[in-house]
Amino acid sequence: MHPINEMNLKFLSKSNNEAFARVAAAAFVSQIDPTVEELADIKTAVSEAVTNAIIHGYENSHGWIEMYCKLFKNAVEIVIKDNGKGIEDVELARQPLYTSRPELERSGMGFTVMESFMDKLDVLSAESEGTVITMYKTFKSIDVKES
């Protein structure tokens, strides 16, 4: 399946850019007319991925976060990439309630939330190189008619 549209954004890992990323993703996806609930799912998943990059990837420093979106007739692929510290143990990090920053009173539910709002979630990470989160969602509300 070939994308019908694509976009790339690059922004600093500042907390106020989390809202920018979620609105940009929702605006981009809205061109295929998903439901309000489906847009909310996208916004929540993007918010969690960007927040993880800011808080865990870059910790107390700043770096770049990149967001790539590919839009299909009834689906979207969203990639959130950072060049931060990376995740030591991806499988452990994906466990509900696990957090590497308990002093921040984080819930440790970021990956769980992303998985619950998206159809598929892939996480690639290497220590000192960063993390790439790829999320997929098919929109059930959009009836694709093949010609």
C-alpha atoms as a PDB file:
ATOM      1  CA  MET A   1       0.000   0.000   0.000  1.00  0.00           C
ATOM      2  CA  HIS A   2       1.351   3.390  -1.007  1.00  0.00           C
ATOM      3  CA  PRO A   3       0.921   6.514   1.125  1.00  0.00           C
ATOM      4  CA  ILE A   4      -1.408   9.202  -0.164  1.00  0.00           C
ATOM      5  CA  ASN A   5       0.437  11.901   1.774  1.00  0.00           C
ATOM      6  CA  GLU A   6       3.488  12.285   4.024  1.00  0.00           C
ATOM      7  CA  MET A   7       4.951  14.875   6.390  1.00  0.00           C
ATOM      8  CA  ASN A   8       8.059  15.381   8.500  1.00  0.00           C
ATOM      9  CA  LEU A   9       8.516  17.695  11.488  1.00  0.00           C
ATOM     10  CA  LYS A  10      11.565  18.407  13.619  1.00  0.00           C
ATOM     11  CA  PHE A  11      11.320  20.274  16.914  1.00  0.00           C
ATOM     12  CA  LEU A  12      13.262  20.780  20.140  1.00  0.00           C
ATOM     13  CA  SER A  13      12.602  18.499  23.095  1.00  0.00           C
ATOM     14  CA  LYS A  14      10.810  21.180  25.085  1.00  0.00           C
ATOM     15  CA  SER A  15       7.670  20.230  26.966  1.00  0.00           C
ATOM     16  CA  ASN A  16       5.535  22.869  25.232  1.00  0.00           C
ATOM     17  CA  ASN A  17       6.284  21.183  21.879  1.00  0.00           C
ATOM     18  CA  GLU A  18       4.360  18.087  22.988  1.00  0.00           C
ATOM     19  CA  ALA A  19       1.073  19.936  22.370  1.00  0.00           C
ATOM     20  CA  PHE A  20       2.365  21.150  18.994  1.00  0.00           C
ATOM     21  CA  ALA A  21       3.215  17.596  17.917  1.00  0.00           C
ATOM     22  CA  ARG A  22      -0.152  16.143  18.922  1.00  0.00           C
ATOM     23  CA  VAL A  23      -2.117  18.899  17.165  1.00  0.00           C
ATOM     24  CA  ALA A  24       0.061  18.655  14.036  1.00  0.00           C
ATOM     25  CA  ALA A  25      -0.463  14.888  13.823  1.00  0.00           C
ATOM     26  CA  ALA A  26      -4.223  15.243  14.325  1.00  0.00           C
ATOM     27  CA  ALA A  27      -4.469  18.005  11.705  1.00  0.00           C
ATOM     28  CA  PHE A  28      -2.524  15.898   9.220  1.00  0.00           C
ATOM     29  CA  VAL A  29      -4.653  12.791   9.813  1.00  0.00           C
ATOM     30  CA  SER A  30      -7.912  14.765   9.677  1.00  0.00           C
ATOM     31  CA  GLN A  31      -7.691  15.009   5.884  1.00  0.00           C
ATOM     32  CA  ILE A  32      -9.024  11.435   5.590  1.00  0.00           C
ATOM     33  CA  ASP A  33     -11.942  12.253   7.917  1.00  0.00           C
ATOM     34  CA  PRO A  34     -11.536   9.905  10.906  1.00  0.00           C
ATOM     35  CA  THR A  35     -13.931  10.059  13.846  1.00  0.00           C
ATOM     36  CA  VAL A  36     -13.356  12.380  16.794  1.00  0.00           C
ATOM     37  CA  GLU A  37     -12.495   9.322  18.908  1.00  0.00           C
ATOM     38  CA  GLU A  38      -9.918   8.121  16.379  1.00  0.00           C
ATOM     39  CA  LEU A  39      -8.301  11.575  16.322  1.00  0.00           C
ATOM     40  CA  ALA A  40      -8.213  11.567  20.126  1.00  0.00           C
ATOM     41  CA  ASP A  41      -6.441   8.186  20.011  1.00  0.00           C
ATOM     42  CA  ILE A  42      -3.781   9.614  17.657  1.00  0.00           C
ATOM     43  CA  LYS A  43      -3.301  12.711  19.810  1.00  0.00           C
ATOM     44  CA  THR A  44      -2.916  10.642  22.991  1.00  0.00           C
ATOM     45  CA  ALA A  45      -0.423   8.201  21.468  1.00  0.00           C
ATOM     46  CA  VAL A  46       1.683  11.007  19.949  1.00  0.00           C
ATOM     47  CA  SER A  47       1.603  12.878  23.246  1.00  0.00           C
ATOM     48  CA  GLU A  48       2.925   9.833  25.126  1.00  0.00           C
ATOM     49  CA  ALA A  49       5.675   9.152  22.580  1.00  0.00           C
ATOM     50  CA  VAL A  50       6.888  12.759  22.521  1.00  0.00           C
ATOM     51  CA  THR A  51       6.705  13.043  26.315  1.00  0.00           C
ATOM     52  CA  ASN A  52       8.826   9.883  26.639  1.00  0.00           C
ATOM     53  CA  ALA A  53      11.425  11.369  24.284  1.00  0.00           C
ATOM     54  CA  ILE A  54      11.540  14.613  26.279  1.00  0.00           C
ATOM     55  CA  ILE A  55      11.593  13.111  29.779  1.00  0.00           C
ATOM     56  CA  HIS A  56      13.480   9.862  29.264  1.00  0.00           C
ATOM     57  CA  GLY A  57      15.405  10.353  26.022  1.00  0.00           C
ATOM     58  CA  TYR A  58      16.890  13.728  26.775  1.00  0.00           C
ATOM     59  CA  GLU A  59      16.351  13.886  30.551  1.00  0.00           C
ATOM     60  CA  ASN A  60      17.733  17.259  31.669  1.00  0.00           C
ATOM     61  CA  SER A  61      19.108  18.336  28.301  1.00  0.00           C
ATOM     62  CA  HIS A  62      17.625  19.346  24.950  1.00  0.00           C
ATOM     63  CA  GLY A  63      17.830  17.688  21.589  1.00  0.00           C
ATOM     64  CA  TRP A  64      15.780  17.202  18.474  1.00  0.00           C
ATOM     65  CA  ILE A  65      12.654  15.109  18.120  1.00  0.00           C
ATOM     66  CA  GLU A  66      11.517  14.120  14.654  1.00  0.00           C
ATOM     67  CA  MET A  67       7.986  13.087  13.709  1.00  0.00           C
ATOM     68  CA  TYR A  68       7.236  11.395  10.406  1.00  0.00           C
ATOM     69  CA  CYS A  69       3.680  10.627   9.298  1.00  0.00           C
ATOM     70  CA  LYS A  70       2.528   8.539   6.356  1.00  0.00           C
ATOM     71  CA  LEU A  71      -1.146   8.692   5.539  1.00  0.00           C
ATOM     72  CA  PHE A  72      -2.920   5.914   3.683  1.00  0.00           C
ATOM     73  CA  LYS A  73      -6.548   5.678   2.474  1.00  0.00           C
ATOM     74  CA  ASN A  74      -7.712   4.408   5.866  1.00  0.00           C
ATOM     75  CA  ALA A  75      -4.606   4.266   8.069  1.00  0.00           C
ATOM     76  CA  VAL A  76      -1.650   6.202   9.399  1.00  0.00           C
ATOM     77  CA  GLU A  77       1.932   5.370  10.350  1.00  0.00           C
ATOM     78  CA  ILE A  78       3.555   7.764  12.806  1.00  0.00           C
ATOM     79  CA  VAL A  79       7.237   7.649  13.730  1.00  0.00           C
ATOM     80  CA  ILE A  80       8.650   9.562  16.711  1.00  0.00           C
ATOM     81  CA  LYS A  81      12.464   9.597  16.802  1.00  0.00           C
ATOM     82  CA  ASP A  82      14.958  11.037  19.259  1.00  0.00           C
ATOM     83  CA  ASN A  83      18.743  10.895  19.466  1.00  0.00           C
ATOM     84  CA  GLY A  84      18.765  10.766  23.256  1.00  0.00           C
ATOM     85  CA  LYS A  85      20.169   8.254  25.688  1.00  0.00           C
ATOM     86  CA  GLY A  86      18.192   5.264  24.414  1.00  0.00           C
ATOM     87  CA  ILE A  87      16.450   2.545  26.382  1.00  0.00           C
ATOM     88  CA  GLU A  88      18.597  -0.012  28.178  1.00  0.00           C
ATOM     89  CA  ASP A  89      15.940  -2.766  28.211  1.00  0.00           C
ATOM     90  CA  VAL A  90      13.017  -2.192  25.818  1.00  0.00           C
ATOM     91  CA  GLU A  91      11.009  -5.189  27.022  1.00  0.00           C
ATOM     92  CA  LEU A  92      11.260  -4.027  30.638  1.00  0.00           C
ATOM     93  CA  ALA A  93      10.363  -0.452  29.652  1.00  0.00           C
ATOM     94  CA  ARG A  94       7.212  -1.741  27.911  1.00  0.00           C
ATOM     95  CA  GLN A  95       5.928  -3.350  31.111  1.00  0.00           C
ATOM     96  CA  PRO A  96       2.974  -1.530  32.720  1.00  0.00           C
ATOM     97  CA  LEU A  97       3.955   0.657  35.682  1.00  0.00           C
ATOM     98  CA  TYR A  98       7.696   0.469  34.942  1.00  0.00           C
ATOM     99  CA  THR A  99       9.462   3.831  35.016  1.00  0.00           C
ATOM    100  CA  SER A 100      13.139   4.680  34.886  1.00  0.00           C
ATOM    101  CA  ARG A 101      12.400   8.014  36.590  1.00  0.00           C
ATOM    102  CA  PRO A 102      10.422   7.221  39.767  1.00  0.00           C
ATOM    103  CA  GLU A 103      11.576  10.478  41.356  1.00  0.00           C
ATOM    104  CA  LEU A 104       9.322  12.297  38.869  1.00  0.00           C
ATOM    105  CA  GLU A 105       6.278  10.367  40.082  1.00  0.00           C
ATOM    106  CA  ARG A 106       5.577   9.167  36.544  1.00  0.00           C
ATOM    107  CA  SER A 107       3.013   6.419  36.122  1.00  0.00           C
ATOM    108  CA  GLY A 108       5.099   4.163  33.872  1.00  0.00           C
ATOM    109  CA  MET A 109       2.167   3.684  31.500  1.00  0.00           C
ATOM    110  CA  GLY A 110       3.456   5.462  28.375  1.00  0.00           C
ATOM    111  CA  PHE A 111       4.017   2.392  26.205  1.00  0.00           C
ATOM    112  CA  THR A 112       0.856   0.741  27.543  1.00  0.00           C
ATOM    113  CA  VAL A 113      -1.180   3.814  26.605  1.00  0.00           C
ATOM    114  CA  MET A 114       0.371   3.938  23.122  1.00  0.00           C
ATOM    115  CA  GLU A 115      -0.368   0.244  22.602  1.00  0.00           C
ATOM    116  CA  SER A 116      -3.965   0.603  23.745  1.00  0.00           C
ATOM    117  CA  PHE A 117      -4.740   3.514  21.380  1.00  0.00           C
ATOM    118  CA  MET A 118      -2.874   2.237  18.317  1.00  0.00           C
ATOM    119  CA  ASP A 119      -3.123  -1.047  16.406  1.00  0.00           C
ATOM    120  CA  LYS A 120       0.611  -1.730  16.393  1.00  0.00           C
ATOM    121  CA  LEU A 121       3.649  -0.313  18.187  1.00  0.00           C
ATOM    122  CA  ASP A 122       7.303  -0.998  17.371  1.00  0.00           C
ATOM    123  CA  VAL A 123      10.147   0.268  19.546  1.00  0.00           C
ATOM    124  CA  LEU A 124      13.769   0.313  18.403  1.00  0.00           C
ATOM    125  CA  SER A 125      16.366   1.717  20.749  1.00  0.00           C
ATOM    126  CA  ALA A 126      20.097   1.698  21.279  1.00  0.00           C
ATOM    127  CA  GLU A 127      21.869   3.113  24.305  1.00  0.00           C
ATOM    128  CA  SER A 128      23.502   6.509  23.624  1.00  0.00           C
ATOM    129  CA  GLU A 129      21.921   6.584  20.143  1.00  0.00           C
ATOM    130  CA  GLY A 130      18.235   7.181  20.761  1.00  0.00           C
ATOM    131  CA  THR A 131      14.832   5.631  20.243  1.00  0.00           C
ATOM    132  CA  VAL A 132      12.460   5.216  17.319  1.00  0.00           C
ATOM    133  CA  ILE A 133       8.799   4.528  18.052  1.00  0.00           C
ATOM    134  CA  THR A 134       6.646   3.506  15.093  1.00  0.00           C
ATOM    135  CA  MET A 135       2.876   3.448  15.587  1.00  0.00           C
ATOM    136  CA  TYR A 136       0.195   2.223  13.184  1.00  0.00           C
ATOM    137  CA  LYS A 137      -3.540   2.818  13.248  1.00  0.00           C
ATOM    138  CA  THR A 138      -6.235   1.672  10.844  1.00  0.00           C
ATOM    139  CA  PHE A 139      -9.371   3.785  10.853  1.00  0.00           C
ATOM    140  CA  LYS A 140     -12.418   1.541  11.102  1.00  0.00           C
ATOM    141  CA  SER A 141     -14.702   4.502  10.354  1.00  0.00           C
ATOM    142  CA  ILE A 142     -13.322   4.940   6.845  1.00  0.00           C
ATOM    143  CA  ASP A 143     -14.807   2.635   4.241  1.00  0.00           C
ATOM    144  CA  VAL A 144     -12.198   2.114   1.534  1.00  0.00           C
ATOM    145  CA  LYS A 145     -13.645   1.346  -1.859  1.00  0.00           C
ATOM    146  CA  GLU A 146     -11.172  -0.171  -4.265  1.00  0.00           C
ATOM    147  CA  SER A 147     -11.567   0.894  -7.879  1.00  0.00           C
END
